[in-house]
Amino acid sequence: MATFDEILTIANQLANQGKKPTVALVKSRLTSSFPLPTIIKVLKSWQHEPEFINFKEEKSGKQELAAKNLEMHQIELIVEKNLTPIKLELADIKSQLAQLIAFNNINKK
């Protein structure tokens, strides 16, 4: 979710470019959706601060950990999906090898 700081940062960037920060311009540059009434409210109270132009979205430690855990789980699923055919082929090769060994043992007698 975007924060008020992101709206203010975008407004300052637009003003620094000589553009009037409108609701539509700000909304089009937000990294995530934000209710229009909130954007309007923030812009009504906004005052140009030319130096306030860098927004960094902060994540809590729990959010970062959850994101990393989700990413690891997705990687595990991809690896497992790609390994399944290899595992099946290896099992088939082992079975064929066992049959070949048994056949050779029978023919030796």
PDB file of N, CA and C in Angstrom:
ATOM      1  N   MET A   1       0.854  -1.177   0.000  1.00  0.00           N
ATOM      2  CA  MET A   1       0.000   0.000   0.000  1.00  0.00           C
ATOM      3  C   MET A   1       0.895   1.235   0.000  1.00  0.00           C
ATOM      4  N   ALA A   2       0.546   2.183  -0.791  1.00  0.00           N
ATOM      5  CA  ALA A   2       1.302   3.432  -0.859  1.00  0.00           C
ATOM      6  C   ALA A   2       1.132   4.200   0.447  1.00  0.00           C
ATOM      7  N   THR A   3       2.030   5.093   0.701  1.00  0.00           N
ATOM      8  CA  THR A   3       1.930   5.912   1.904  1.00  0.00           C
ATOM      9  C   THR A   3       1.747   7.366   1.498  1.00  0.00           C
ATOM     10  N   PHE A   4       1.406   8.183   2.482  1.00  0.00           N
ATOM     11  CA  PHE A   4       1.269   9.613   2.222  1.00  0.00           C
ATOM     12  C   PHE A   4       2.571  10.179   1.670  1.00  0.00           C
ATOM     13  N   ASP A   5       3.694   9.661   2.176  1.00  0.00           N
ATOM     14  CA  ASP A   5       4.999  10.143   1.705  1.00  0.00           C
ATOM     15  C   ASP A   5       5.177   9.915   0.211  1.00  0.00           C
ATOM     16  N   GLU A   6       4.653   8.789  -0.286  1.00  0.00           N
ATOM     17  CA  GLU A   6       4.779   8.534  -1.717  1.00  0.00           C
ATOM     18  C   GLU A   6       3.984   9.570  -2.517  1.00  0.00           C
ATOM     19  N   ILE A   7       2.795   9.899  -2.059  1.00  0.00           N
ATOM     20  CA  ILE A   7       1.969  10.912  -2.741  1.00  0.00           C
ATOM     21  C   ILE A   7       2.688  12.252  -2.713  1.00  0.00           C
ATOM     22  N   LEU A   8       3.220  12.619  -1.558  1.00  0.00           N
ATOM     23  CA  LEU A   8       3.927  13.898  -1.432  1.00  0.00           C
ATOM     24  C   LEU A   8       5.182  13.931  -2.304  1.00  0.00           C
ATOM     25  N   THR A   9       5.898  12.829  -2.354  1.00  0.00           N
ATOM     26  CA  THR A   9       7.103  12.740  -3.183  1.00  0.00           C
ATOM     27  C   THR A   9       6.754  12.945  -4.648  1.00  0.00           C
ATOM     28  N   ILE A  10       5.710  12.266  -5.098  1.00  0.00           N
ATOM     29  CA  ILE A  10       5.291  12.394  -6.501  1.00  0.00           C
ATOM     30  C   ILE A  10       4.865  13.829  -6.799  1.00  0.00           C
ATOM     31  N   ALA A  11       4.126  14.419  -5.882  1.00  0.00           N
ATOM     32  CA  ALA A  11       3.694  15.812  -6.068  1.00  0.00           C
ATOM     33  C   ALA A  11       4.902  16.740  -6.193  1.00  0.00           C
ATOM     34  N   ASN A  12       5.911  16.541  -5.362  1.00  0.00           N
ATOM     35  CA  ASN A  12       7.125  17.371  -5.425  1.00  0.00           C
ATOM     36  C   ASN A  12       7.892  17.143  -6.720  1.00  0.00           C
ATOM     37  N   GLN A  13       7.978  15.894  -7.160  1.00  0.00           N
ATOM     38  CA  GLN A  13       8.670  15.600  -8.418  1.00  0.00           C
ATOM     39  C   GLN A  13       7.976  16.302  -9.586  1.00  0.00           C
ATOM     40  N   LEU A  14       6.649  16.225  -9.599  1.00  0.00           N
ATOM     41  CA  LEU A  14       5.890  16.890 -10.674  1.00  0.00           C
ATOM     42  C   LEU A  14       6.108  18.401 -10.630  1.00  0.00           C
ATOM     43  N   ALA A  15       6.030  18.967  -9.436  1.00  0.00           N
ATOM     44  CA  ALA A  15       6.219  20.413  -9.298  1.00  0.00           C
ATOM     45  C   ALA A  15       7.627  20.814  -9.724  1.00  0.00           C
ATOM     46  N   ASN A  16       8.620  19.995  -9.407  1.00  0.00           N
ATOM     47  CA  ASN A  16       9.994  20.283  -9.818  1.00  0.00           C
ATOM     48  C   ASN A  16      10.142  20.241 -11.337  1.00  0.00           C
ATOM     49  N   GLN A  17       9.273  19.488 -12.010  1.00  0.00           N
ATOM     50  CA  GLN A  17       9.286  19.417 -13.476  1.00  0.00           C
ATOM     51  C   GLN A  17       8.445  20.521 -14.106  1.00  0.00           C
ATOM     52  N   GLY A  18       7.868  21.364 -13.266  1.00  0.00           N
ATOM     53  CA  GLY A  18       7.050  22.462 -13.767  1.00  0.00           C
ATOM     54  C   GLY A  18       5.614  22.047 -14.062  1.00  0.00           C
ATOM     55  N   LYS A  19       5.218  20.886 -13.584  1.00  0.00           N
ATOM     56  CA  LYS A  19       3.854  20.395 -13.803  1.00  0.00           C
ATOM     57  C   LYS A  19       3.047  20.567 -12.526  1.00  0.00           C
ATOM     58  N   LYS A  20       1.755  20.803 -12.708  1.00  0.00           N
ATOM     59  CA  LYS A  20       0.870  20.905 -11.552  1.00  0.00           C
ATOM     60  C   LYS A  20       0.489  19.485 -11.125  1.00  0.00           C
ATOM     61  N   PRO A  21       0.723  19.123  -9.859  1.00  0.00           N
ATOM     62  CA  PRO A  21       0.398  17.781  -9.403  1.00  0.00           C
ATOM     63  C   PRO A  21      -1.118  17.573  -9.282  1.00  0.00           C
ATOM     64  N   THR A  22      -1.703  16.989 -10.289  1.00  0.00           N
ATOM     65  CA  THR A  22      -3.132  16.699 -10.267  1.00  0.00           C
ATOM     66  C   THR A  22      -3.358  15.294  -9.721  1.00  0.00           C
ATOM     67  N   VAL A  23      -4.591  15.016  -9.346  1.00  0.00           N
ATOM     68  CA  VAL A  23      -4.939  13.698  -8.835  1.00  0.00           C
ATOM     69  C   VAL A  23      -4.604  12.626  -9.873  1.00  0.00           C
ATOM     70  N   ALA A  24      -4.957  12.898 -11.129  1.00  0.00           N
ATOM     71  CA  ALA A  24      -4.715  11.924 -12.200  1.00  0.00           C
ATOM     72  C   ALA A  24      -3.224  11.661 -12.396  1.00  0.00           C
ATOM     73  N   LEU A  25      -2.412  12.720 -12.405  1.00  0.00           N
ATOM     74  CA  LEU A  25      -0.962  12.536 -12.579  1.00  0.00           C
ATOM     75  C   LEU A  25      -0.351  11.766 -11.414  1.00  0.00           C
ATOM     76  N   VAL A  26      -0.758  12.121 -10.211  1.00  0.00           N
ATOM     77  CA  VAL A  26      -0.225  11.435  -9.030  1.00  0.00           C
ATOM     78  C   VAL A  26      -0.664   9.979  -9.038  1.00  0.00           C
ATOM     79  N   LYS A  27      -1.948   9.733  -9.281  1.00  0.00           N
ATOM     80  CA  LYS A  27      -2.480   8.361  -9.281  1.00  0.00           C
ATOM     81  C   LYS A  27      -1.757   7.489 -10.303  1.00  0.00           C
ATOM     82  N   SER A  28      -1.431   8.059 -11.459  1.00  0.00           N
ATOM     83  CA  SER A  28      -0.774   7.273 -12.507  1.00  0.00           C
ATOM     84  C   SER A  28       0.658   6.885 -12.145  1.00  0.00           C
ATOM     85  N   ARG A  29       1.245   7.559 -11.167  1.00  0.00           N
ATOM     86  CA  ARG A  29       2.632   7.284 -10.791  1.00  0.00           C
ATOM     87  C   ARG A  29       2.777   6.494  -9.491  1.00  0.00           C
ATOM     88  N   LEU A  30       1.670   6.213  -8.817  1.00  0.00           N
ATOM     89  CA  LEU A  30       1.734   5.468  -7.558  1.00  0.00           C
ATOM     90  C   LEU A  30       2.134   4.023  -7.815  1.00  0.00           C
ATOM     91  N   THR A  31       2.879   3.443  -6.887  1.00  0.00           N
ATOM     92  CA  THR A  31       3.316   2.052  -7.040  1.00  0.00           C
ATOM     93  C   THR A  31       2.216   1.060  -6.694  1.00  0.00           C
ATOM     94  N   SER A  32       1.192   1.487  -5.959  1.00  0.00           N
ATOM     95  CA  SER A  32       0.049   0.631  -5.657  1.00  0.00           C
ATOM     96  C   SER A  32      -1.201   1.503  -5.570  1.00  0.00           C
ATOM     97  N   SER A  33      -2.355   0.856  -5.595  1.00  0.00           N
ATOM     98  CA  SER A  33      -3.599   1.631  -5.608  1.00  0.00           C
ATOM     99  C   SER A  33      -3.803   2.350  -4.274  1.00  0.00           C
ATOM    100  N   PHE A  34      -4.487   3.462  -4.361  1.00  0.00           N
ATOM    101  CA  PHE A  34      -4.729   4.302  -3.207  1.00  0.00           C
ATOM    102  C   PHE A  34      -6.079   4.958  -3.418  1.00  0.00           C
ATOM    103  N   PRO A  35      -6.949   5.041  -2.417  1.00  0.00           N
ATOM    104  CA  PRO A  35      -8.280   5.637  -2.611  1.00  0.00           C
ATOM    105  C   PRO A  35      -8.192   7.096  -3.082  1.00  0.00           C
ATOM    106  N   LEU A  36      -9.006   7.425  -4.064  1.00  0.00           N
ATOM    107  CA  LEU A  36      -9.005   8.801  -4.600  1.00  0.00           C
ATOM    108  C   LEU A  36      -9.238   9.866  -3.530  1.00  0.00           C
ATOM    109  N   PRO A  37     -10.199   9.664  -2.604  1.00  0.00           N
ATOM    110  CA  PRO A  37     -10.399  10.705  -1.579  1.00  0.00           C
ATOM    111  C   PRO A  37      -9.140  10.977  -0.759  1.00  0.00           C
ATOM    112  N   THR A  38      -8.343   9.952  -0.540  1.00  0.00           N
ATOM    113  CA  THR A  38      -7.110  10.139   0.224  1.00  0.00           C
ATOM    114  C   THR A  38      -6.094  10.936  -0.582  1.00  0.00           C
ATOM    115  N   ILE A  39      -5.964  10.612  -1.870  1.00  0.00           N
ATOM    116  CA  ILE A  39      -5.048  11.360  -2.732  1.00  0.00           C
ATOM    117  C   ILE A  39      -5.451  12.831  -2.753  1.00  0.00           C
ATOM    118  N   ILE A  40      -6.754  13.078  -2.912  1.00  0.00           N
ATOM    119  CA  ILE A  40      -7.273  14.456  -2.948  1.00  0.00           C
ATOM    120  C   ILE A  40      -6.958  15.171  -1.639  1.00  0.00           C
ATOM    121  N   LYS A  41      -7.200  14.484  -0.512  1.00  0.00           N
ATOM    122  CA  LYS A  41      -6.959  15.092   0.804  1.00  0.00           C
ATOM    123  C   LYS A  41      -5.474  15.446   0.979  1.00  0.00           C
ATOM    124  N   VAL A  42      -4.590  14.536   0.588  1.00  0.00           N
ATOM    125  CA  VAL A  42      -3.155  14.784   0.737  1.00  0.00           C
ATOM    126  C   VAL A  42      -2.726  15.941  -0.161  1.00  0.00           C
ATOM    127  N   LEU A  43      -3.231  15.952  -1.405  1.00  0.00           N
ATOM    128  CA  LEU A  43      -2.840  17.023  -2.328  1.00  0.00           C
ATOM    129  C   LEU A  43      -3.359  18.383  -1.876  1.00  0.00           C
ATOM    130  N   LYS A  44      -4.536  18.411  -1.225  1.00  0.00           N
ATOM    131  CA  LYS A  44      -5.064  19.685  -0.720  1.00  0.00           C
ATOM    132  C   LYS A  44      -4.167  20.269   0.362  1.00  0.00           C
ATOM    133  N   SER A  45      -3.544  19.391   1.153  1.00  0.00           N
ATOM    134  CA  SER A  45      -2.685  19.888   2.229  1.00  0.00           C
ATOM    135  C   SER A  45      -1.211  19.970   1.810  1.00  0.00           C
ATOM    136  N   TRP A  46      -0.906  19.520   0.596  1.00  0.00           N
ATOM    137  CA  TRP A  46       0.477  19.482   0.107  1.00  0.00           C
ATOM    138  C   TRP A  46       1.041  20.887  -0.093  1.00  0.00           C
ATOM    139  N   GLN A  47       2.300  21.050   0.292  1.00  0.00           N
ATOM    140  CA  GLN A  47       3.047  22.265   0.004  1.00  0.00           C
ATOM    141  C   GLN A  47       4.366  21.835  -0.608  1.00  0.00           C
ATOM    142  N   HIS A  48       4.759  22.513  -1.651  1.00  0.00           N
ATOM    143  CA  HIS A  48       5.932  22.123  -2.409  1.00  0.00           C
ATOM    144  C   HIS A  48       7.190  22.139  -1.555  1.00  0.00           C
ATOM    145  N   GLU A  49       7.862  20.997  -1.518  1.00  0.00           N
ATOM    146  CA  GLU A  49       9.163  20.858  -0.861  1.00  0.00           C
ATOM    147  C   GLU A  49      10.107  20.280  -1.914  1.00  0.00           C
ATOM    148  N   PRO A  50      10.842  21.126  -2.627  1.00  0.00           N
ATOM    149  CA  PRO A  50      11.661  20.669  -3.755  1.00  0.00           C
ATOM    150  C   PRO A  50      12.653  19.560  -3.416  1.00  0.00           C
ATOM    151  N   GLU A  51      13.110  19.482  -2.177  1.00  0.00           N
ATOM    152  CA  GLU A  51      14.116  18.485  -1.798  1.00  0.00           C
ATOM    153  C   GLU A  51      13.511  17.123  -1.454  1.00  0.00           C
ATOM    154  N   PHE A  52      12.213  17.077  -1.185  1.00  0.00           N
ATOM    155  CA  PHE A  52      11.550  15.839  -0.790  1.00  0.00           C
ATOM    156  C   PHE A  52      11.062  15.106  -2.046  1.00  0.00           C
ATOM    157  N   ILE A  53      12.019  14.430  -2.719  1.00  0.00           N
ATOM    158  CA  ILE A  53      11.683  13.807  -4.008  1.00  0.00           C
ATOM    159  C   ILE A  53      12.042  12.325  -4.068  1.00  0.00           C
ATOM    160  N   ASN A  54      12.565  11.765  -3.010  1.00  0.00           N
ATOM    161  CA  ASN A  54      12.921  10.346  -3.004  1.00  0.00           C
ATOM    162  C   ASN A  54      12.072   9.615  -1.983  1.00  0.00           C
ATOM    163  N   PHE A  55      11.255   8.720  -2.495  1.00  0.00           N
ATOM    164  CA  PHE A  55      10.389   7.912  -1.633  1.00  0.00           C
ATOM    165  C   PHE A  55      10.963   6.511  -1.530  1.00  0.00           C
ATOM    166  N   LYS A  56      11.065   6.024  -0.332  1.00  0.00           N
ATOM    167  CA  LYS A  56      11.488   4.640  -0.117  1.00  0.00           C
ATOM    168  C   LYS A  56      10.423   3.956   0.713  1.00  0.00           C
ATOM    169  N   GLU A  57       9.798   2.946   0.109  1.00  0.00           N
ATOM    170  CA  GLU A  57       8.784   2.195   0.831  1.00  0.00           C
ATOM    171  C   GLU A  57       9.492   1.279   1.818  1.00  0.00           C
ATOM    172  N   GLU A  58       9.124   1.397   3.076  1.00  0.00           N
ATOM    173  CA  GLU A  58       9.769   0.598   4.097  1.00  0.00           C
ATOM    174  C   GLU A  58       8.908  -0.619   4.401  1.00  0.00           C
ATOM    175  N   LYS A  59       9.564  -1.757   4.526  1.00  0.00           N
ATOM    176  CA  LYS A  59       8.875  -2.975   4.905  1.00  0.00           C
ATOM    177  C   LYS A  59       9.332  -3.360   6.299  1.00  0.00           C
ATOM    178  N   SER A  60       8.408  -3.886   7.054  1.00  0.00           N
ATOM    179  CA  SER A  60       8.780  -4.352   8.383  1.00  0.00           C
ATOM    180  C   SER A  60       9.577  -5.640   8.238  1.00  0.00           C
ATOM    181  N   GLY A  61      10.261  -6.011   9.283  1.00  0.00           N
ATOM    182  CA  GLY A  61      11.040  -7.242   9.279  1.00  0.00           C
ATOM    183  C   GLY A  61      10.157  -8.450   8.977  1.00  0.00           C
ATOM    184  N   LYS A  62       8.946  -8.460   9.539  1.00  0.00           N
ATOM    185  CA  LYS A  62       8.022  -9.572   9.308  1.00  0.00           C
ATOM    186  C   LYS A  62       7.596  -9.618   7.848  1.00  0.00           C
ATOM    187  N   GLN A  63       7.349  -8.458   7.243  1.00  0.00           N
ATOM    188  CA  GLN A  63       6.953  -8.416   5.832  1.00  0.00           C
ATOM    189  C   GLN A  63       8.079  -8.922   4.943  1.00  0.00           C
ATOM    190  N   GLU A  64       9.298  -8.515   5.240  1.00  0.00           N
ATOM    191  CA  GLU A  64      10.447  -8.976   4.452  1.00  0.00           C
ATOM    192  C   GLU A  64      10.628 -10.477   4.586  1.00  0.00           C
ATOM    193  N   LEU A  65      10.501 -10.990   5.808  1.00  0.00           N
ATOM    194  CA  LEU A  65      10.644 -12.421   6.043  1.00  0.00           C
ATOM    195  C   LEU A  65       9.548 -13.196   5.312  1.00  0.00           C
ATOM    196  N   ALA A  66       8.325 -12.696   5.378  1.00  0.00           N
ATOM    197  CA  ALA A  66       7.215 -13.366   4.687  1.00  0.00           C
ATOM    198  C   ALA A  66       7.446 -13.366   3.183  1.00  0.00           C
ATOM    199  N   ALA A  67       7.937 -12.258   2.647  1.00  0.00           N
ATOM    200  CA  ALA A  67       8.204 -12.173   1.206  1.00  0.00           C
ATOM    201  C   ALA A  67       9.307 -13.147   0.808  1.00  0.00           C
ATOM    202  N   LYS A  68      10.343 -13.243   1.616  1.00  0.00           N
ATOM    203  CA  LYS A  68      11.444 -14.169   1.319  1.00  0.00           C
ATOM    204  C   LYS A  68      10.989 -15.615   1.427  1.00  0.00           C
ATOM    205  N   ASN A  69      10.153 -15.910   2.436  1.00  0.00           N
ATOM    206  CA  ASN A  69       9.629 -17.262   2.587  1.00  0.00           C
ATOM    207  C   ASN A  69       8.758 -17.653   1.394  1.00  0.00           C
ATOM    208  N   LEU A  70       7.948 -16.726   0.930  1.00  0.00           N
ATOM    209  CA  LEU A  70       7.110 -16.987  -0.234  1.00  0.00           C
ATOM    210  C   LEU A  70       7.975 -17.228  -1.462  1.00  0.00           C
ATOM    211  N   GLU A  71       8.997 -16.419  -1.636  1.00  0.00           N
ATOM    212  CA  GLU A  71       9.901 -16.585  -2.771  1.00  0.00           C
ATOM    213  C   GLU A  71      10.612 -17.940  -2.711  1.00  0.00           C
ATOM    214  N   MET A  72      11.067 -18.334  -1.518  1.00  0.00           N
ATOM    215  CA  MET A  72      11.730 -19.631  -1.364  1.00  0.00           C
ATOM    216  C   MET A  72      10.767 -20.770  -1.684  1.00  0.00           C
ATOM    217  N   HIS A  73       9.529 -20.649  -1.226  1.00  0.00           N
ATOM    218  CA  HIS A  73       8.533 -21.686  -1.497  1.00  0.00           C
ATOM    219  C   HIS A  73       8.287 -21.805  -3.000  1.00  0.00           C
ATOM    220  N   GLN A  74       8.190 -20.675  -3.682  1.00  0.00           N
ATOM    221  CA  GLN A  74       7.986 -20.689  -5.132  1.00  0.00           C
ATOM    222  C   GLN A  74       9.176 -21.335  -5.840  1.00  0.00           C
ATOM    223  N   ILE A  75      10.378 -21.063  -5.376  1.00  0.00           N
ATOM    224  CA  ILE A  75      11.579 -21.669  -5.966  1.00  0.00           C
ATOM    225  C   ILE A  75      11.561 -23.179  -5.736  1.00  0.00           C
ATOM    226  N   GLU A  76      11.193 -23.596  -4.526  1.00  0.00           N
ATOM    227  CA  GLU A  76      11.112 -25.025  -4.221  1.00  0.00           C
ATOM    228  C   GLU A  76      10.118 -25.728  -5.140  1.00  0.00           C
ATOM    229  N   LEU A  77       8.975 -25.089  -5.381  1.00  0.00           N
ATOM    230  CA  LEU A  77       7.974 -25.682  -6.269  1.00  0.00           C
ATOM    231  C   LEU A  77       8.509 -25.826  -7.695  1.00  0.00           C
ATOM    232  N   ILE A  78       9.206 -24.825  -8.166  1.00  0.00           N
ATOM    233  CA  ILE A  78       9.773 -24.867  -9.519  1.00  0.00           C
ATOM    234  C   ILE A  78      10.824 -25.964  -9.625  1.00  0.00           C
ATOM    235  N   VAL A  79      11.691 -26.057  -8.614  1.00  0.00           N
ATOM    236  CA  VAL A  79      12.731 -27.086  -8.621  1.00  0.00           C
ATOM    237  C   VAL A  79      12.088 -28.476  -8.603  1.00  0.00           C
ATOM    238  N   GLU A  80      11.114 -28.658  -7.719  1.00  0.00           N
ATOM    239  CA  GLU A  80      10.444 -29.960  -7.629  1.00  0.00           C
ATOM    240  C   GLU A  80       9.746 -30.314  -8.945  1.00  0.00           C
ATOM    241  N   LYS A  81       9.112 -29.343  -9.556  1.00  0.00           N
ATOM    242  CA  LYS A  81       8.432 -29.574 -10.842  1.00  0.00           C
ATOM    243  C   LYS A  81       9.439 -30.015 -11.905  1.00  0.00           C
ATOM    244  N   ASN A  82      10.610 -29.400 -11.906  1.00  0.00           N
ATOM    245  CA  ASN A  82      11.626 -29.742 -12.902  1.00  0.00           C
ATOM    246  C   ASN A  82      12.350 -31.046 -12.579  1.00  0.00           C
ATOM    247  N   LEU A  83      12.397 -31.424 -11.310  1.00  0.00           N
ATOM    248  CA  LEU A  83      13.061 -32.659 -10.925  1.00  0.00           C
ATOM    249  C   LEU A  83      12.186 -33.898 -11.108  1.00  0.00           C
ATOM    250  N   THR A  84      10.886 -33.743 -11.080  1.00  0.00           N
ATOM    251  CA  THR A  84       9.979 -34.894 -11.169  1.00  0.00           C
ATOM    252  C   THR A  84      10.235 -35.746 -12.402  1.00  0.00           C
ATOM    253  N   PRO A  85      10.319 -35.186 -13.611  1.00  0.00           N
ATOM    254  CA  PRO A  85      10.580 -36.036 -14.777  1.00  0.00           C
ATOM    255  C   PRO A  85      11.933 -36.749 -14.686  1.00  0.00           C
ATOM    256  N   ILE A  86      12.914 -36.079 -14.108  1.00  0.00           N
ATOM    257  CA  ILE A  86      14.243 -36.683 -13.970  1.00  0.00           C
ATOM    258  C   ILE A  86      14.173 -37.861 -12.997  1.00  0.00           C
ATOM    259  N   LYS A  87      13.459 -37.685 -11.896  1.00  0.00           N
ATOM    260  CA  LYS A  87      13.304 -38.765 -10.926  1.00  0.00           C
ATOM    261  C   LYS A  87      12.595 -39.968 -11.553  1.00  0.00           C
ATOM    262  N   LEU A  88      11.555 -39.706 -12.349  1.00  0.00           N
ATOM    263  CA  LEU A  88      10.826 -40.794 -13.005  1.00  0.00           C
ATOM    264  C   LEU A  88      11.720 -41.532 -13.994  1.00  0.00           C
ATOM    265  N   GLU A  89      12.496 -40.798 -14.756  1.00  0.00           N
ATOM    266  CA  GLU A  89      13.402 -41.417 -15.724  1.00  0.00           C
ATOM    267  C   GLU A  89      14.469 -42.244 -15.012  1.00  0.00           C
ATOM    268  N   LEU A  90      14.992 -41.754 -13.905  1.00  0.00           N
ATOM    269  CA  LEU A  90      15.992 -42.493 -13.137  1.00  0.00           C
ATOM    270  C   LEU A  90      15.397 -43.790 -12.587  1.00  0.00           C
ATOM    271  N   ALA A  91      14.179 -43.732 -12.082  1.00  0.00           N
ATOM    272  CA  ALA A  91      13.519 -44.943 -11.574  1.00  0.00           C
ATOM    273  C   ALA A  91      13.337 -45.958 -12.694  1.00  0.00           C
ATOM    274  N   ASP A  92      12.979 -45.473 -13.891  1.00  0.00           N
ATOM    275  CA  ASP A  92      12.812 -46.357 -15.046  1.00  0.00           C
ATOM    276  C   ASP A  92      14.148 -46.994 -15.427  1.00  0.00           C
ATOM    277  N   ILE A  93      15.215 -46.236 -15.423  1.00  0.00           N
ATOM    278  CA  ILE A  93      16.549 -46.756 -15.757  1.00  0.00           C
ATOM    279  C   ILE A  93      16.972 -47.802 -14.728  1.00  0.00           C
ATOM    280  N   LYS A  94      16.720 -47.532 -13.452  1.00  0.00           N
ATOM    281  CA  LYS A  94      17.064 -48.507 -12.406  1.00  0.00           C
ATOM    282  C   LYS A  94      16.291 -49.805 -12.608  1.00  0.00           C
ATOM    283  N   SER A  95      15.037 -49.696 -12.949  1.00  0.00           N
ATOM    284  CA  SER A  95      14.212 -50.878 -13.181  1.00  0.00           C
ATOM    285  C   SER A  95      14.741 -51.684 -14.366  1.00  0.00           C
ATOM    286  N   GLN A  96      15.073 -50.987 -15.442  1.00  0.00           N
ATOM    287  CA  GLN A  96      15.613 -51.673 -16.622  1.00  0.00           C
ATOM    288  C   GLN A  96      16.960 -52.334 -16.311  1.00  0.00           C
ATOM    289  N   LEU A  97      17.783 -51.660 -15.515  1.00  0.00           N
ATOM    290  CA  LEU A  97      19.078 -52.216 -15.135  1.00  0.00           C
ATOM    291  C   LEU A  97      18.889 -53.479 -14.293  1.00  0.00           C
ATOM    292  N   ALA A  98      17.949 -53.440 -13.356  1.00  0.00           N
ATOM    293  CA  ALA A  98      17.672 -54.614 -12.522  1.00  0.00           C
ATOM    294  C   ALA A  98      17.197 -55.778 -13.385  1.00  0.00           C
ATOM    295  N   GLN A  99      16.343 -55.486 -14.373  1.00  0.00           N
ATOM    296  CA  GLN A  99      15.872 -56.542 -15.278  1.00  0.00           C
ATOM    297  C   GLN A  99      17.027 -57.106 -16.100  1.00  0.00           C
ATOM    298  N   LEU A 100      17.905 -56.267 -16.557  1.00  0.00           N
ATOM    299  CA  LEU A 100      19.050 -56.704 -17.349  1.00  0.00           C
ATOM    300  C   LEU A 100      19.990 -57.583 -16.511  1.00  0.00           C
ATOM    301  N   ILE A 101      20.224 -57.179 -15.273  1.00  0.00           N
ATOM    302  CA  ILE A 101      21.076 -57.969 -14.382  1.00  0.00           C
ATOM    303  C   ILE A 101      20.437 -59.333 -14.115  1.00  0.00           C
ATOM    304  N   ALA A 102      19.133 -59.324 -13.849  1.00  0.00           N
ATOM    305  CA  ALA A 102      18.440 -60.592 -13.613  1.00  0.00           C
ATOM    306  C   ALA A 102      18.486 -61.467 -14.851  1.00  0.00           C
ATOM    307  N   PHE A 103      18.314 -60.913 -16.016  1.00  0.00           N
ATOM    308  CA  PHE A 103      18.360 -61.672 -17.269  1.00  0.00           C
ATOM    309  C   PHE A 103      19.740 -62.290 -17.470  1.00  0.00           C
ATOM    310  N   ASN A 104      20.793 -61.503 -17.202  1.00  0.00           N
ATOM    311  CA  ASN A 104      22.173 -61.993 -17.332  1.00  0.00           C
ATOM    312  C   ASN A 104      22.464 -63.120 -16.350  1.00  0.00           C
ATOM    313  N   ASN A 105      21.942 -62.978 -15.122  1.00  0.00           N
ATOM    314  CA  ASN A 105      22.155 -64.019 -14.111  1.00  0.00           C
ATOM    315  C   ASN A 105      21.474 -65.326 -14.506  1.00  0.00           C
ATOM    316  N   ILE A 106      20.307 -65.237 -15.125  1.00  0.00           N
ATOM    317  CA  ILE A 106      19.586 -66.439 -15.575  1.00  0.00           C
ATOM    318  C   ILE A 106      20.352 -67.117 -16.706  1.00  0.00           C
ATOM    319  N   ASN A 107      20.870 -66.338 -17.626  1.00  0.00           N
ATOM    320  CA  ASN A 107      21.578 -66.894 -18.789  1.00  0.00           C
ATOM    321  C   ASN A 107      22.942 -67.493 -18.419  1.00  0.00           C
ATOM    322  N   LYS A 108      23.506 -67.086 -17.303  1.00  0.00           N
ATOM    323  CA  LYS A 108      24.811 -67.610 -16.874  1.00  0.00           C
ATOM    324  C   LYS A 108      24.671 -69.029 -16.324  1.00  0.00           C
ATOM    325  N   LYS A 109      23.509 -69.373 -15.869  1.00  0.00           N
ATOM    326  CA  LYS A 109      23.311 -70.671 -15.232  1.00  0.00           C
ATOM    327  C   LYS A 109      23.152 -71.762 -16.231  1.00  0.00           C
TER     328      LYS A 109
END
